Every structure is written in C-alpha cells, then in structure tokens.
Protein backbone atom coordinates (compact mmCIF):
# COMPACT_ATOMS: atom_id res chain seq x y z
CA MET A 1 77.62 78.30 82.07
CA HIS A 2 73.89 77.59 83.03
CA THR A 3 72.38 74.81 81.26
CA PRO A 4 68.81 73.58 80.69
CA ALA A 5 69.97 70.00 82.35
CA ALA A 6 70.89 71.28 85.23
CA THR A 7 67.91 72.79 85.80
CA CYS A 8 65.70 69.94 85.36
CA VAL A 9 68.04 67.63 87.70
CA ARG A 10 67.43 70.32 90.38
CA GLY A 11 63.80 70.29 89.78
CA GLU A 12 63.71 74.23 89.70
CA ARG A 13 64.36 77.36 87.18
CA ARG A 14 65.27 80.37 88.63
CA ILE A 15 64.49 83.15 86.58
CA ILE A 16 64.89 87.42 86.03
CA ILE A 17 61.90 89.00 84.45
CA LEU A 18 63.46 92.28 82.45
CA GLY A 19 60.20 94.36 82.13
CA SER A 20 58.03 92.61 84.46
CA THR A 21 55.22 95.58 84.83
CA GLY A 22 54.58 95.68 80.93
CA SER A 23 52.36 93.61 79.24
CA ILE A 24 54.50 90.19 78.35
CA GLY A 25 56.31 90.61 81.85
CA THR A 26 53.41 90.79 83.84
CA GLN A 27 51.38 87.63 81.89
CA ALA A 28 54.82 86.20 82.22
CA VAL A 29 54.37 86.24 86.06
CA GLU A 30 50.96 84.58 85.13
CA VAL A 31 52.25 81.92 83.38
CA ILE A 32 54.91 81.12 85.77
CA GLU A 33 52.40 80.97 88.70
CA HIS A 34 49.90 78.98 86.14
CA LEU A 35 52.91 76.21 85.87
CA ASN A 36 54.34 76.23 89.11
CA ALA A 37 50.83 75.47 90.54
CA LEU A 38 50.82 72.11 88.51
CA HIS A 39 54.12 72.13 89.36
CA ALA A 40 52.75 71.46 93.26
CA ARG A 41 49.53 69.32 91.86
CA ASP A 42 51.51 66.78 90.13
CA GLY A 43 55.04 66.95 90.41
CA SER A 44 54.97 67.70 86.80
CA GLY A 45 58.09 70.15 84.79
CA VAL A 46 59.89 71.81 86.72
CA ARG A 47 59.11 74.64 89.40
CA PHE A 48 60.03 78.47 88.71
CA ARG A 49 61.28 81.01 91.34
CA ILE A 50 61.43 84.74 90.54
CA VAL A 51 65.03 85.43 91.71
CA GLY A 52 64.98 89.03 90.22
CA LEU A 53 62.31 91.47 88.52
CA ALA A 54 63.45 94.73 86.63
CA ALA A 55 60.83 97.94 85.32
CA GLY A 56 61.58 101.37 84.12
CA ARG A 57 60.11 104.05 86.47
CA ASN A 58 56.83 101.88 87.84
CA ALA A 59 58.46 101.60 91.83
CA GLU A 60 54.97 100.79 93.31
CA GLN A 61 53.96 98.08 90.78
CA VAL A 62 57.00 96.05 90.72
CA PHE A 63 57.86 96.52 94.94
CA ALA A 64 54.46 94.72 94.75
CA GLN A 65 55.03 92.21 92.62
CA ALA A 66 58.17 91.51 94.44
CA ALA A 67 56.24 90.82 97.80
CA ARG A 68 54.17 89.06 96.35
CA LEU A 69 56.24 86.48 94.45
CA GLY A 70 59.04 86.62 97.33
CA VAL A 71 61.53 88.14 95.02
CA ARG A 72 64.48 89.81 97.13
CA ARG A 73 66.17 91.64 94.24
CA VAL A 74 64.87 94.33 91.89
CA ALA A 75 66.29 96.92 89.52
CA LEU A 76 64.76 100.21 88.40
CA ALA A 77 65.86 102.54 85.87
CA ASN A 78 64.21 105.97 86.85
CA GLY A 79 62.76 104.59 90.28
CA ASN A 80 63.30 107.46 92.44
CA GLY A 81 59.85 108.15 93.10
CA ASN A 82 57.78 108.34 96.55
CA ALA A 83 57.14 104.41 96.74
CA ARG A 84 58.97 102.64 99.65
CA ALA A 85 60.85 99.46 99.23
CA PRO A 86 59.34 96.90 100.84
CA GLU A 87 61.47 95.84 104.20
CA GLY A 88 64.57 93.21 102.89
CA LEU A 89 64.67 93.93 99.24
CA GLU A 90 67.34 95.27 97.81
CA VAL A 91 66.36 97.86 95.18
CA LEU A 92 69.16 98.95 92.30
CA ARG A 93 68.45 102.17 90.63
CA GLY A 94 69.48 103.84 87.45
CA PRO A 95 70.18 103.58 83.77
CA ASP A 96 72.24 100.48 84.13
CA ALA A 97 70.70 98.66 86.96
CA ALA A 98 68.82 95.96 85.18
CA GLU A 99 72.14 94.70 83.65
CA MET A 100 73.66 94.85 87.04
CA LEU A 101 70.49 92.63 88.18
CA ILE A 102 71.49 90.20 85.53
CA ARG A 103 75.43 90.26 86.03
CA GLU A 104 75.00 89.74 89.97
CA THR A 105 72.23 87.74 90.05
CA GLU A 106 72.86 83.69 89.66
CA CYS A 107 69.70 82.65 87.29
CA ASP A 108 68.60 79.89 84.53
CA MET A 109 66.72 82.27 82.50
CA VAL A 110 65.63 85.79 82.00
CA LEU A 111 62.89 86.61 79.96
CA ALA A 112 63.78 90.02 77.98
CA ALA A 113 60.59 92.23 77.51
CA MET A 114 61.80 95.73 78.28
CA VAL A 115 60.68 97.25 75.44
CA GLY A 116 62.72 99.14 73.07
CA SER A 117 66.32 99.43 73.30
CA ALA A 118 66.75 100.13 77.09
CA GLY A 119 66.97 96.39 77.27
CA LEU A 120 69.81 95.51 75.09
CA PRO A 121 72.18 95.99 77.63
CA ALA A 122 70.70 93.76 80.35
CA THR A 123 69.99 91.02 77.43
CA LEU A 124 73.63 91.18 75.88
CA ALA A 125 74.91 90.42 79.67
CA ALA A 126 72.69 87.30 79.78
CA VAL A 127 73.74 85.82 76.95
CA GLU A 128 77.07 86.69 77.48
CA LEU A 129 76.66 84.80 80.76
CA GLY A 130 75.02 81.80 79.34
CA ARG A 131 71.73 82.05 80.08
CA ILE A 132 68.54 80.52 78.65
CA VAL A 133 67.21 84.04 76.98
CA ALA A 134 63.41 83.70 76.40
CA LEU A 135 63.77 86.72 73.99
CA ALA A 136 60.50 89.23 73.88
CA ASN A 137 62.85 91.98 73.17
CA LYS A 138 63.00 91.95 69.50
CA GLU A 139 65.16 95.04 69.49
CA THR A 140 67.84 93.25 70.50
CA LEU A 141 68.70 91.73 67.36
CA VAL A 142 67.35 94.12 65.44
CA ALA A 143 69.95 97.10 66.72
CA ALA A 144 72.64 93.83 67.95
CA GLY A 145 72.27 90.96 65.83
CA GLU A 146 75.88 90.38 64.63
CA LEU A 147 76.77 91.34 68.66
CA VAL A 148 74.39 88.40 70.21
CA ALA A 149 75.52 86.05 68.00
CA ALA A 150 78.89 86.03 68.34
CA ALA A 151 78.11 86.51 72.16
CA CYS A 152 75.89 83.05 71.90
CA ALA A 153 78.83 81.20 69.97
CA ARG A 154 81.36 82.63 72.91
CA SER A 155 78.65 81.16 75.58
CA GLY A 156 76.37 78.41 74.52
CA ALA A 157 73.85 80.62 75.24
CA ARG A 158 70.23 79.62 73.89
CA LEU A 159 67.90 81.93 72.31
CA LEU A 160 63.87 81.07 72.52
CA PRO A 161 61.34 83.52 71.21
CA VAL A 162 58.27 84.92 72.72
CA ASP A 163 57.12 86.76 70.15
CA SER A 164 53.71 84.95 68.98
CA GLU A 165 55.79 84.80 64.97
CA HIS A 166 58.71 83.97 65.83
CA SER A 167 57.35 80.97 68.61
CA ALA A 168 54.74 79.66 65.50
CA LEU A 169 57.89 79.19 63.33
CA TRP A 170 60.23 78.05 66.05
CA GLN A 171 57.18 75.25 66.66
CA CYS A 172 57.19 74.87 62.96
CA LEU A 173 60.66 74.35 62.04
CA GLU A 174 60.81 71.81 65.43
CA SER A 175 59.22 69.34 63.63
CA CYS A 176 60.73 68.73 60.53
CA ARG A 177 64.70 68.45 62.17
CA GLU A 178 66.18 65.93 63.15
CA GLN A 179 66.99 67.15 66.10
CA PRO A 180 65.50 69.80 68.38
CA CYS A 181 65.66 73.14 67.51
CA THR A 182 67.32 75.19 70.04
CA LEU A 183 67.93 78.35 68.20
CA PRO A 184 71.63 79.65 68.73
CA PRO A 185 71.50 82.34 66.22
CA LEU A 186 72.04 82.28 62.49
CA ALA A 187 71.30 78.63 63.04
CA ALA A 188 70.85 77.36 59.00
CA LEU A 189 67.16 76.59 57.84
CA PRO A 190 66.58 73.51 57.96
CA ARG A 191 67.14 71.62 54.29
CA GLY A 192 63.85 71.66 52.60
CA VAL A 193 62.72 74.52 54.25
CA SER A 194 62.19 77.46 51.08
CA ARG A 195 60.85 80.24 52.98
CA LEU A 196 59.31 81.68 56.36
CA ILE A 197 56.17 83.54 56.20
CA LEU A 198 54.74 85.81 59.05
CA THR A 199 51.63 87.12 59.25
CA ALA A 200 50.71 90.73 60.04
CA SER A 201 47.16 91.92 61.58
CA GLY A 202 47.06 95.07 58.89
CA GLY A 203 46.53 97.25 62.24
CA PRO A 204 43.61 99.74 62.43
CA PHE A 205 44.54 100.94 59.17
CA ARG A 206 44.84 98.20 56.57
CA THR A 207 41.56 99.41 54.74
CA TRP A 208 41.88 102.88 55.25
CA ASP A 209 43.20 104.98 52.33
CA ALA A 210 47.05 106.51 52.48
CA ARG A 211 45.80 110.11 53.01
CA SER A 212 43.87 109.17 56.18
CA THR A 213 46.31 106.63 57.28
CA HIS A 214 49.03 109.47 57.65
CA GLU A 215 47.17 111.80 59.40
CA ALA A 216 46.00 109.33 61.94
CA THR A 217 45.49 110.44 65.67
CA PRO A 218 47.09 108.50 68.25
CA GLU A 219 44.17 107.58 70.04
CA GLN A 220 43.35 105.76 66.68
CA ALA A 221 46.77 104.22 66.09
CA LEU A 222 46.39 102.81 69.38
CA ARG A 223 42.94 101.09 68.86
CA HIS A 224 44.72 97.32 67.51
CA PRO A 225 41.92 95.07 66.15
CA THR A 226 43.10 91.82 67.81
CA TRP A 227 46.32 92.42 70.26
CA GLN A 228 46.08 94.29 73.54
CA MET A 229 49.74 95.74 73.78
CA GLY A 230 51.79 98.56 75.55
CA PRO A 231 51.46 102.34 73.13
CA LYS A 232 55.03 101.79 71.71
CA VAL A 233 54.68 98.23 70.26
CA THR A 234 51.11 99.02 69.49
CA ILE A 235 52.04 102.23 67.54
CA ASP A 236 54.80 99.70 65.74
CA SER A 237 51.91 97.73 65.16
CA ALA A 238 49.83 99.93 63.25
CA SER A 239 52.72 101.22 61.26
CA LEU A 240 53.55 97.70 60.50
CA THR A 241 57.38 98.84 61.82
CA ASN A 242 56.83 96.05 64.23
CA LYS A 243 56.66 93.01 61.15
CA ALA A 244 59.81 94.77 59.82
CA LEU A 245 61.35 94.65 63.51
CA GLU A 246 60.30 90.64 63.53
CA VAL A 247 61.77 90.49 59.46
CA LEU A 248 64.81 91.35 61.36
CA GLU A 249 64.10 88.90 64.16
CA ALA A 250 63.78 86.44 62.21
CA HIS A 251 66.96 87.05 59.47
CA TRP A 252 69.25 86.78 63.34
CA LEU A 253 67.15 83.71 64.89
CA PHE A 254 66.75 81.18 61.99
CA GLY A 255 69.71 82.24 59.30
CA ALA A 256 67.11 83.36 57.14
CA THR A 257 67.85 85.24 54.02
CA ALA A 258 66.49 87.95 52.83
CA GLU A 259 64.68 86.28 49.77
CA GLN A 260 63.75 83.78 52.42
CA ILE A 261 61.24 85.87 54.89
CA GLY A 262 57.93 86.84 53.46
CA VAL A 263 55.15 88.78 55.12
CA VAL A 264 51.42 88.45 54.57
CA VAL A 265 48.21 90.49 55.66
CA HIS A 266 46.07 88.30 58.26
CA PRO A 267 43.65 89.94 59.88
CA GLN A 268 41.72 87.61 62.13
CA SER A 269 45.55 86.66 64.09
CA ILE A 270 44.50 82.98 64.18
CA VAL A 271 47.80 82.10 62.61
CA HIS A 272 50.68 83.42 64.05
CA SER A 273 52.89 82.29 60.53
CA LEU A 274 53.67 79.64 58.23
CA VAL A 275 56.61 77.74 56.53
CA GLU A 276 57.39 77.04 53.05
CA PHE A 277 58.64 73.61 51.72
CA ALA A 278 60.30 72.93 48.54
CA ASP A 279 57.87 70.72 47.87
CA GLY A 280 55.21 73.30 47.93
CA SER A 281 53.33 71.78 51.38
CA VAL A 282 52.94 74.81 53.74
CA LEU A 283 52.83 74.36 57.66
CA ALA A 284 51.08 77.15 59.65
CA GLN A 285 50.56 76.99 63.72
CA LEU A 286 47.49 78.91 64.84
CA GLY A 287 46.00 79.52 68.19
CA ALA A 288 44.17 82.09 69.86
CA ASN A 289 45.45 85.35 69.96
CA ASP A 290 46.65 85.69 73.42
CA MET A 291 50.49 85.87 74.40
CA ARG A 292 50.25 83.70 76.98
CA THR A 293 51.09 80.97 74.28
CA PRO A 294 54.20 81.87 73.33
CA ILE A 295 55.23 82.71 76.72
CA GLN A 296 54.62 79.15 78.21
CA TYR A 297 55.54 77.91 75.03
CA ALA A 298 59.47 79.43 75.97
CA LEU A 299 59.17 78.94 79.22
CA ALA A 300 58.31 75.63 79.82
CA HIS A 301 60.11 74.23 76.92
CA PRO A 302 60.61 71.52 75.94
CA ALA A 303 57.52 70.16 77.94
CA ARG A 304 54.41 71.23 76.67
CA PRO A 305 52.02 71.09 79.83
CA ALA A 306 48.28 72.16 79.65
CA GLY A 307 48.16 75.86 78.97
CA VAL A 308 46.25 78.84 80.84
CA SER A 309 45.82 80.70 77.49
CA ARG A 310 42.20 80.61 76.06
CA LYS A 311 41.66 77.62 73.43
CA LEU A 312 41.45 78.03 69.77
CA ASP A 313 37.23 77.39 68.70
CA LEU A 314 37.91 77.37 65.20
CA ALA A 315 33.97 76.81 64.19
CA SER A 316 33.92 79.89 65.96
CA VAL A 317 36.64 81.78 63.92
CA GLY A 318 34.77 80.88 60.86
CA THR A 319 37.14 82.43 57.87
CA LEU A 320 40.60 82.73 58.01
CA GLU A 321 41.61 85.35 55.43
CA PHE A 322 45.18 86.76 53.50
CA VAL A 323 45.25 89.16 51.94
CA PRO A 324 48.85 90.79 50.31
CA LEU A 325 50.88 93.78 52.25
CA ASP A 326 50.50 96.87 50.78
CA ARG A 327 54.17 98.75 50.86
CA ASP A 328 53.40 101.68 49.41
CA LYS A 329 51.26 102.18 52.48
CA PHE A 330 53.36 100.64 54.70
CA PRO A 331 56.76 101.19 53.92
CA ALA A 332 58.96 100.17 56.56
CA ILE A 333 58.65 96.08 55.41
CA ASP A 334 61.04 96.90 52.62
CA LEU A 335 63.26 98.96 55.00
CA ALA A 336 63.94 95.80 56.80
CA TYR A 337 64.85 94.24 54.19
CA GLU A 338 67.66 97.52 53.49
CA VAL A 339 68.63 97.10 57.12
CA ILE A 340 69.38 93.06 55.96
CA ALA A 341 71.03 93.90 53.07
CA ARG A 342 73.63 97.07 54.60
CA GLY A 343 74.65 95.39 58.06
CA GLY A 344 76.39 97.01 60.13
CA THR A 345 74.72 99.59 62.80
CA ALA A 346 72.10 99.44 60.45
CA GLY A 347 69.39 97.68 62.21
CA ALA A 348 70.42 100.23 65.43
CA VAL A 349 69.87 103.04 63.23
CA PHE A 350 66.44 102.14 61.86
CA ASN A 351 65.00 100.97 65.18
CA ALA A 352 66.44 104.10 67.45
CA ALA A 353 64.96 106.43 64.68
CA ASN A 354 61.52 104.85 64.55
CA GLU A 355 61.69 104.59 68.92
CA ALA A 356 62.38 108.75 68.56
CA ALA A 357 59.33 108.94 65.68
CA VAL A 358 57.09 106.85 67.65
CA GLU A 359 57.61 109.66 70.88
CA ALA A 360 57.04 112.51 68.56
CA PHE A 361 54.32 111.00 67.27
CA LEU A 362 52.94 110.26 70.35
CA ALA A 363 53.75 113.65 71.63
CA ARG A 364 51.69 114.79 68.62
CA ARG A 365 54.69 116.72 67.28
CA ILE A 366 54.24 114.45 63.57
CA PRO A 367 51.56 113.15 61.80
CA PHE A 368 51.36 109.39 62.04
CA GLY A 369 52.79 109.26 58.25
CA ARG A 370 56.13 110.60 59.17
CA ILE A 371 57.28 107.85 61.89
CA SER A 372 58.24 105.34 58.95
CA ALA A 373 59.73 108.73 56.70
CA LEU A 374 61.65 109.71 59.31
CA ALA A 375 63.12 105.94 60.06
CA ARG A 376 64.11 105.79 56.21
CA ASP A 377 65.82 109.70 56.24
CA ALA A 378 68.25 108.78 59.41
CA LEU A 379 68.85 105.21 57.47
CA ARG A 380 69.92 107.40 54.32
CA GLU A 381 71.60 110.22 56.26
CA VAL A 382 73.24 109.13 59.42
CA GLY A 383 75.11 106.33 57.36
CA VAL A 384 76.17 102.64 58.56
CA SER A 385 79.12 101.40 60.58
CA PRO A 386 80.79 98.43 60.91
CA LEU A 387 79.80 96.58 64.15
CA ARG A 388 82.11 95.77 66.74
CA ALA A 389 80.96 96.81 70.26
CA LEU A 390 77.70 97.62 72.35
CA ALA A 391 79.29 101.10 72.21
CA ASP A 392 79.00 101.40 68.29
CA VAL A 393 74.73 100.28 68.73
CA LEU A 394 74.79 103.06 71.36
CA ALA A 395 76.67 105.93 69.17
CA ALA A 396 74.81 104.62 66.42
CA GLU A 397 71.46 105.07 68.04
CA GLY A 398 72.75 108.46 69.54
CA GLU A 399 72.82 109.70 65.95
CA ALA A 400 69.55 108.49 64.69
CA ARG A 401 67.84 110.06 67.80
CA ARG A 402 69.83 113.36 67.33
CA TYR A 403 68.53 113.45 63.45
CA VAL A 404 65.32 112.74 64.46
CA GLU A 405 64.88 115.12 66.85
CA ARG A 406 66.47 117.92 64.71
CA ILE A 407 64.03 117.58 62.21
CA VAL A 408 61.32 116.98 63.95
CA GLY A 409 62.39 120.46 65.44
CA ARG A 410 62.02 122.53 62.36
C-alpha cells in the first residue's frame, strides 16, 4: 500500500492523471508544474512526477502532453487515430486501457478526472490498490459508493475531493476535528456538525420560467454563467443534475444522511459550501471560481503552498446572494435523495440514464426538460438491485442506457 508518509520521505510523489486532456486534467498539469517550480526554487513541499496519462480519444493532445512532461506510459480508450506516438512512449489502447495503466504502473496518487462512468473501473482499481485518489470523477461514488467504501476499508486508500464544493466541505470540517480529516468513505461527521450545505450557481436558467427552460437549446444550456467546464458537466450544471450528483458524493465522502445535506442557490459561486453546527454557527469556504484552487489543495495536502489561482477580491465581488432552490423547475435534486433512500444500484441507474439523456439532448433528439424526466423514469422503471460487484454496476448502467434509448427512439 502506498502511503503519504512514504512519498514525503522520498520527496517525490508519483501521479497518474486519468482524463489528462479534459478541463480538470489540463488544469491539474498546470498546478503540478506550479508546485514543481516552487519545489525547485526553495525545496518546499514534494516534487510531482507524472508517470501516466489517460484520455478518451484525443491521441494528439495526450501524446503532446507526454512529450512535454516526460511521461513514458499513456492509455487511450478510443485512440486509433492517425496521430503518431513519440518514440519510446508506451501506448495502452482500448476500453480497459486506463484500468491497465493503473494496475501496471507504480504510483502514489491518482487524479481521477475522467468524465462519466467511463472512469469508474480505473478509479476503483486505484482504490483497491491503496492509492491516494484525488477524486474529480463524482460518478465513481454515485454509481458505486458501496463498492468504493468497502475497497477503502480493505486497502486503506484515501479519497481527497477535487470538486470545489466537496473541497470546501473538507476544508471546513478539518477545522473542527481533533485529528486531520482523511476522508475514508462514510467517515462519521464530527460531533457538533448538524448539516452540510452545498451551493449551486443555478446555471444559465436560474431566472428563466419553467416552459422556456424545458425548451432550451444546447447552445443556451452550454452558456454557464460562472464556470468553464466540458460539455457534459456544463449540461449537468444547467439541469442541476451536477448538484444532485454532489449530494450523493457528499453522502459517501462524509457519512452524511440525506437529512444532513442541503442545497442553496448562490449565483456568484464565491461561497463554495458551508457547514452548519448544532449551536447555529455556520462556517463557509470562499474563493474565486477557479478550479485550480481545489485541485492544488488535494494534490499538495496537507501542505498549503502559494497558489497558482487568482486571488479573491471581496470588495470587487460586492453582494453575496443566497436564494432557495426551485425544486419544481430542477427536479434532479429530489432524485438524489431518492437514490440515497433506495441504495443498491439506484445510483448507477440514475447516473447512466442521465448520461444517455444528456447525449440525446446534445444530439437534439430531446428537449432540455426531458433530461431529468428520463433519469426519473429510468429509476422507477429499471428498478434497483443489490450492489455486490462492479458487474452489478455495469449491468444496471446498461439497462438504464437501453431504457433511455428505447424511450428516445419512440
């Protein structure tokens, strides 16, 4: 098992980036280069060595990253294009390539940033091997939280959240623990904590009426007001499914019940999450809407070196606004609480149905308002089974996708 202590003694942390060509992956490379520059300048912190990169189909970009960063092994899920690999670069190809990269490459930390359920097998493999996992792929816990929790208990793996909201909760909770918060899944909330509150920007349709929101186009849904993200995550943010997935992730990361997780709309995206205490006090984490901050916090933890992100100027922000969530217009949040209540494969069904619905929306086969409705109907029609192995997750996801395709095809 790889432990943080061993990496600190050696002065180097070997890392694999899953999803290196995506938004989180490219920003993580920037953060690592920044941290390595600090280490070279004054010897502070640990030096990162990237020992593996994994991507979906962007062979040209991942090959360029490997050449620039001195990486000798990469994985491509669909990388059979015309791009030529640099001499000496080992390229693993196929749908299992990322998992092979994890299982066959020695490392201390894995940044799990592959979008959607595609990153689940590789991330679960990293957990089984006892790696430190900086988790930016929320679908891992949504679809397979029970499996990940059991694997962490067996291997001693640590999960460090990269999502800005869960990073904020982590930072707030660390301030009230007698011991450092290492976040094994289902670690009990500290005594005195009554509620975790996730903030949501409200997306581009926060002020739209329900009918206009239902008929929104892909171009409109992709115009997020505060964050720059990939298309799937941006659509999820517009429907607030992203926040529903974050409710489920918070349940598994922090051991919070459904009643202990709330959501409030905060359009400025400056307060990233809040922790409410039994005595009525509320602790919040604030920062610029820059994903490099939570990425760096996870990678450098427990150190807190100078940041690469832009600083927050409260005077220029002015007013911070908080408004209740419109659950009728954004029904995905209530589906998250239903998933927690039903357990088993409910998360896998919900997640896969949403992925299929988002694909159909981006292909202009359904209106925006059908995305959450299809996820809801799949959850009711496909049903929920016990979750015992990864095969159960994959089977439930397949059923959910086939259900959505059947309905959309009509």
